């Protein structure tokens, strides 16, 4: 679990840094799409950490579900036949368990 969080965090940091570099280069070069790139970068600065948090939350929920499965409601549990008490033989001999 900790390994997944570390890998996810590293991926998000790399993506954010690369977006910032692209945004900076677009702004310095004065390209026509610089304003659009800035808006996308601004949106992804908010969206990527939120998506990482949701991913980690789902991993945590899946781990908890594996450790503690949901209980089955009583009406959905399979019926277990009850054992009948053994009656002694009527002829006075040994019961059904005798060899």
N, C-alpha and C. Protein backbone atom coordinates (compact mmCIF):
# COMPACT_ATOMS: atom_id res chain seq x y z
N UNK A 1 0.83 -1.19 0.00
CA UNK A 1 0.00 0.00 0.00
C UNK A 1 0.88 1.25 0.00
N UNK A 2 1.89 1.26 0.87
CA UNK A 2 2.76 2.43 0.95
C UNK A 2 3.52 2.64 -0.36
N UNK A 3 3.89 1.53 -0.99
CA UNK A 3 4.62 1.59 -2.26
C UNK A 3 3.75 2.23 -3.35
N UNK A 4 2.46 1.85 -3.40
CA UNK A 4 1.56 2.43 -4.38
C UNK A 4 1.39 3.93 -4.18
N UNK A 5 1.29 4.34 -2.92
CA UNK A 5 1.15 5.78 -2.64
C UNK A 5 2.39 6.54 -3.07
N UNK A 6 3.55 5.98 -2.80
CA UNK A 6 4.79 6.65 -3.19
C UNK A 6 4.91 6.75 -4.71
N UNK A 7 4.59 5.68 -5.40
CA UNK A 7 4.66 5.69 -6.87
C UNK A 7 3.66 6.69 -7.43
N UNK A 8 2.45 6.70 -6.90
CA UNK A 8 1.43 7.65 -7.35
C UNK A 8 1.85 9.09 -7.11
N UNK A 9 2.42 9.36 -5.95
CA UNK A 9 2.87 10.72 -5.64
C UNK A 9 4.00 11.15 -6.57
N UNK A 10 4.92 10.25 -6.85
CA UNK A 10 6.04 10.59 -7.76
C UNK A 10 5.50 10.88 -9.16
N UNK A 11 4.55 10.08 -9.63
CA UNK A 11 3.98 10.30 -10.96
C UNK A 11 3.28 11.66 -11.02
N UNK A 12 2.52 12.01 -9.99
CA UNK A 12 1.83 13.30 -9.97
C UNK A 12 2.83 14.45 -9.96
N UNK A 13 3.88 14.34 -9.17
CA UNK A 13 4.89 15.41 -9.11
C UNK A 13 5.57 15.58 -10.47
N UNK A 14 5.91 14.47 -11.12
CA UNK A 14 6.55 14.55 -12.44
C UNK A 14 5.61 15.19 -13.46
N UNK A 15 4.34 14.78 -13.44
CA UNK A 15 3.37 15.37 -14.37
C UNK A 15 3.20 16.88 -14.13
N UNK A 16 3.09 17.26 -12.87
CA UNK A 16 2.92 18.69 -12.57
C UNK A 16 4.15 19.50 -12.99
N UNK A 17 5.34 18.99 -12.68
CA UNK A 17 6.54 19.72 -13.06
C UNK A 17 6.68 19.84 -14.57
N UNK A 18 6.36 18.76 -15.29
CA UNK A 18 6.46 18.84 -16.75
C UNK A 18 5.43 19.81 -17.32
N UNK A 19 4.24 19.86 -16.73
CA UNK A 19 3.24 20.84 -17.19
C UNK A 19 3.72 22.26 -16.93
N UNK A 20 4.34 22.49 -15.77
CA UNK A 20 4.83 23.83 -15.47
C UNK A 20 5.92 24.26 -16.44
N UNK A 21 6.80 23.33 -16.79
CA UNK A 21 7.87 23.64 -17.75
C UNK A 21 7.27 23.98 -19.11
N UNK A 22 6.32 23.18 -19.57
CA UNK A 22 5.67 23.46 -20.86
C UNK A 22 4.95 24.80 -20.82
N UNK A 23 4.27 25.08 -19.72
CA UNK A 23 3.56 26.36 -19.58
C UNK A 23 4.55 27.52 -19.60
N UNK A 24 5.67 27.38 -18.92
CA UNK A 24 6.67 28.45 -18.89
C UNK A 24 7.26 28.68 -20.28
N UNK A 25 7.58 27.59 -20.98
CA UNK A 25 8.15 27.73 -22.32
C UNK A 25 7.14 28.38 -23.26
N UNK A 26 5.88 28.01 -23.16
CA UNK A 26 4.84 28.61 -24.01
C UNK A 26 4.68 30.09 -23.70
N UNK A 27 4.77 30.46 -22.43
CA UNK A 27 4.61 31.87 -22.05
C UNK A 27 5.79 32.70 -22.53
N UNK A 28 7.01 32.16 -22.41
CA UNK A 28 8.20 32.90 -22.81
C UNK A 28 8.26 33.04 -24.33
N UNK A 29 7.87 31.99 -25.04
CA UNK A 29 7.93 32.05 -26.50
C UNK A 29 6.82 32.90 -27.09
N UNK A 30 5.80 33.21 -26.30
CA UNK A 30 4.72 34.07 -26.77
C UNK A 30 3.82 33.38 -27.77
N UNK A 31 3.68 32.09 -27.65
CA UNK A 31 2.83 31.34 -28.56
C UNK A 31 1.37 31.73 -28.42
N UNK A 32 0.60 31.43 -29.47
CA UNK A 32 -0.82 31.77 -29.47
C UNK A 32 -1.60 30.95 -28.46
N UNK A 33 -1.14 29.78 -28.15
CA UNK A 33 -1.85 28.88 -27.23
C UNK A 33 -1.37 29.02 -25.79
N UNK A 34 -0.57 30.00 -25.48
CA UNK A 34 0.00 30.14 -24.13
C UNK A 34 -1.09 30.30 -23.08
N UNK A 35 -2.12 31.07 -23.39
CA UNK A 35 -3.19 31.29 -22.41
C UNK A 35 -3.97 29.99 -22.18
N UNK A 36 -4.22 29.23 -23.23
CA UNK A 36 -4.93 27.95 -23.10
C UNK A 36 -4.09 26.97 -22.30
N UNK A 37 -2.80 26.92 -22.59
CA UNK A 37 -1.90 26.01 -21.86
C UNK A 37 -1.87 26.39 -20.38
N UNK A 38 -1.88 27.69 -20.08
CA UNK A 38 -1.89 28.13 -18.69
C UNK A 38 -3.17 27.67 -17.99
N UNK A 39 -4.30 27.78 -18.66
CA UNK A 39 -5.57 27.37 -18.05
C UNK A 39 -5.60 25.86 -17.79
N UNK A 40 -5.08 25.11 -18.75
CA UNK A 40 -5.03 23.65 -18.57
C UNK A 40 -4.10 23.30 -17.40
N UNK A 41 -2.97 23.96 -17.34
CA UNK A 41 -2.02 23.70 -16.25
C UNK A 41 -2.63 24.06 -14.90
N UNK A 42 -3.33 25.16 -14.85
CA UNK A 42 -3.99 25.57 -13.61
C UNK A 42 -5.04 24.54 -13.19
N UNK A 43 -5.82 24.06 -14.13
CA UNK A 43 -6.83 23.05 -13.82
C UNK A 43 -6.23 21.73 -13.37
N UNK A 44 -5.17 21.32 -14.04
CA UNK A 44 -4.54 20.05 -13.68
C UNK A 44 -3.79 20.14 -12.34
N UNK A 45 -3.37 21.35 -11.96
CA UNK A 45 -2.73 21.53 -10.66
C UNK A 45 -3.71 21.18 -9.54
N UNK A 46 -4.98 21.42 -9.78
CA UNK A 46 -6.01 21.08 -8.79
C UNK A 46 -6.48 19.64 -8.99
N UNK A 47 -6.67 19.23 -10.23
CA UNK A 47 -7.29 17.93 -10.52
C UNK A 47 -6.39 16.74 -10.20
N UNK A 48 -5.11 16.81 -10.53
CA UNK A 48 -4.23 15.65 -10.33
C UNK A 48 -4.11 15.22 -8.86
N UNK A 49 -3.88 16.14 -7.92
CA UNK A 49 -3.83 15.69 -6.52
C UNK A 49 -5.17 15.11 -6.04
N UNK A 50 -6.27 15.66 -6.52
CA UNK A 50 -7.58 15.13 -6.13
C UNK A 50 -7.75 13.71 -6.67
N UNK A 51 -7.37 13.49 -7.93
CA UNK A 51 -7.46 12.15 -8.51
C UNK A 51 -6.54 11.17 -7.78
N UNK A 52 -5.35 11.61 -7.39
CA UNK A 52 -4.45 10.75 -6.62
C UNK A 52 -5.08 10.38 -5.27
N UNK A 53 -5.70 11.35 -4.62
CA UNK A 53 -6.36 11.08 -3.34
C UNK A 53 -7.48 10.06 -3.50
N UNK A 54 -8.28 10.20 -4.56
CA UNK A 54 -9.37 9.24 -4.81
C UNK A 54 -8.81 7.86 -5.08
N UNK A 55 -7.72 7.78 -5.85
CA UNK A 55 -7.08 6.50 -6.13
C UNK A 55 -6.60 5.83 -4.84
N UNK A 56 -5.95 6.58 -3.98
CA UNK A 56 -5.47 6.04 -2.71
C UNK A 56 -6.64 5.61 -1.82
N UNK A 57 -7.72 6.39 -1.85
CA UNK A 57 -8.90 6.05 -1.05
C UNK A 57 -9.50 4.73 -1.52
N UNK A 58 -9.59 4.51 -2.85
CA UNK A 58 -10.10 3.25 -3.36
C UNK A 58 -9.18 2.09 -3.01
N UNK A 59 -7.87 2.30 -3.06
CA UNK A 59 -6.94 1.23 -2.66
C UNK A 59 -7.14 0.86 -1.20
N UNK A 60 -7.31 1.86 -0.36
CA UNK A 60 -7.50 1.62 1.07
C UNK A 60 -8.81 0.86 1.31
N UNK A 61 -9.88 1.23 0.59
CA UNK A 61 -11.17 0.55 0.75
C UNK A 61 -11.08 -0.89 0.27
N UNK A 62 -10.36 -1.13 -0.82
CA UNK A 62 -10.20 -2.49 -1.33
C UNK A 62 -9.40 -3.35 -0.34
N UNK A 63 -8.39 -2.76 0.27
CA UNK A 63 -7.59 -3.50 1.25
C UNK A 63 -8.44 -3.84 2.47
N UNK A 64 -9.24 -2.89 2.94
CA UNK A 64 -10.11 -3.14 4.10
C UNK A 64 -11.16 -4.19 3.77
N UNK A 65 -11.66 -4.20 2.54
CA UNK A 65 -12.67 -5.18 2.16
C UNK A 65 -12.07 -6.58 2.12
N UNK A 66 -10.80 -6.70 1.71
CA UNK A 66 -10.16 -8.01 1.69
C UNK A 66 -9.94 -8.52 3.11
N UNK A 67 -9.59 -7.63 4.01
CA UNK A 67 -9.33 -8.04 5.39
C UNK A 67 -10.63 -8.31 6.14
N UNK A 68 -11.67 -7.52 5.90
CA UNK A 68 -12.95 -7.64 6.59
C UNK A 68 -14.07 -7.68 5.55
N UNK A 69 -14.39 -8.85 5.01
CA UNK A 69 -15.46 -8.90 4.01
C UNK A 69 -16.79 -8.50 4.63
N UNK A 70 -17.69 -8.03 3.78
CA UNK A 70 -18.99 -7.60 4.25
C UNK A 70 -19.77 -8.79 4.80
N UNK A 71 -20.50 -8.60 5.91
CA UNK A 71 -21.28 -9.71 6.45
C UNK A 71 -22.48 -10.01 5.53
N UNK A 72 -22.85 -11.29 5.47
CA UNK A 72 -23.99 -11.70 4.66
C UNK A 72 -25.24 -11.59 5.52
N UNK A 73 -26.30 -10.94 5.02
CA UNK A 73 -27.54 -10.85 5.80
C UNK A 73 -28.10 -12.25 6.10
N UNK A 74 -28.79 -12.42 7.22
CA UNK A 74 -29.27 -13.76 7.61
C UNK A 74 -30.18 -14.39 6.56
N UNK A 75 -30.97 -13.59 5.86
CA UNK A 75 -31.88 -14.18 4.87
C UNK A 75 -31.14 -14.70 3.63
N UNK A 76 -29.88 -14.27 3.42
CA UNK A 76 -29.12 -14.72 2.27
C UNK A 76 -28.10 -15.81 2.61
N UNK A 77 -27.98 -16.17 3.88
CA UNK A 77 -27.03 -17.20 4.28
C UNK A 77 -27.58 -18.57 3.89
N UNK A 78 -26.70 -19.47 3.44
CA UNK A 78 -27.18 -20.81 3.09
C UNK A 78 -27.66 -21.55 4.33
N UNK A 79 -28.71 -22.34 4.16
CA UNK A 79 -29.26 -23.08 5.29
C UNK A 79 -28.40 -24.30 5.58
N UNK A 80 -28.11 -24.51 6.84
CA UNK A 80 -27.33 -25.66 7.27
C UNK A 80 -28.31 -26.65 7.89
N UNK A 81 -28.39 -27.88 7.37
CA UNK A 81 -29.35 -28.83 7.94
C UNK A 81 -28.97 -29.16 9.38
N UNK A 82 -30.00 -29.20 10.21
CA UNK A 82 -29.78 -29.52 11.62
C UNK A 82 -29.63 -31.03 11.76
N UNK A 83 -28.76 -31.44 12.66
CA UNK A 83 -28.54 -32.87 12.88
C UNK A 83 -29.68 -33.43 13.73
N UNK A 84 -30.20 -34.57 13.30
CA UNK A 84 -31.27 -35.25 14.02
C UNK A 84 -30.66 -36.08 15.14
N UNK A 85 -31.23 -36.04 16.33
CA UNK A 85 -30.70 -36.92 17.38
C UNK A 85 -30.96 -38.38 17.02
N UNK A 86 -29.97 -39.22 17.29
CA UNK A 86 -30.09 -40.64 16.95
C UNK A 86 -30.97 -41.34 17.97
N UNK A 87 -31.88 -42.16 17.46
CA UNK A 87 -32.78 -42.91 18.33
C UNK A 87 -32.20 -44.32 18.52
N UNK A 88 -32.32 -44.86 19.69
CA UNK A 88 -31.84 -46.23 19.89
C UNK A 88 -32.68 -47.22 19.08
N UNK A 89 -32.07 -48.35 18.74
CA UNK A 89 -32.78 -49.38 17.95
C UNK A 89 -33.95 -49.93 18.76
N UNK A 90 -35.06 -50.23 18.09
CA UNK A 90 -36.25 -50.71 18.78
C UNK A 90 -36.13 -52.17 19.21
N UNK A 91 -35.26 -52.94 18.58
CA UNK A 91 -35.14 -54.35 18.94
C UNK A 91 -34.20 -54.57 20.11
N UNK A 92 -33.68 -53.49 20.69
CA UNK A 92 -32.82 -53.61 21.87
C UNK A 92 -31.39 -53.87 21.53
N UNK A 93 -31.04 -54.01 20.28
CA UNK A 93 -29.68 -54.26 19.86
C UNK A 93 -28.87 -52.97 19.82
N UNK A 94 -27.68 -53.07 19.32
CA UNK A 94 -26.85 -51.88 19.24
C UNK A 94 -27.45 -50.86 18.26
N UNK A 95 -27.10 -49.62 18.45
CA UNK A 95 -27.62 -48.54 17.62
C UNK A 95 -27.03 -48.57 16.22
N UNK A 96 -27.35 -47.60 15.38
CA UNK A 96 -26.89 -47.60 13.99
C UNK A 96 -25.39 -47.40 13.87
N UNK A 97 -24.71 -46.95 14.91
CA UNK A 97 -23.28 -46.72 14.85
C UNK A 97 -22.46 -47.97 15.16
N UNK A 98 -23.10 -49.03 15.53
CA UNK A 98 -22.36 -50.25 15.92
C UNK A 98 -21.77 -50.90 14.68
N UNK A 99 -20.60 -51.55 14.83
CA UNK A 99 -19.95 -52.20 13.68
C UNK A 99 -20.66 -53.44 13.23
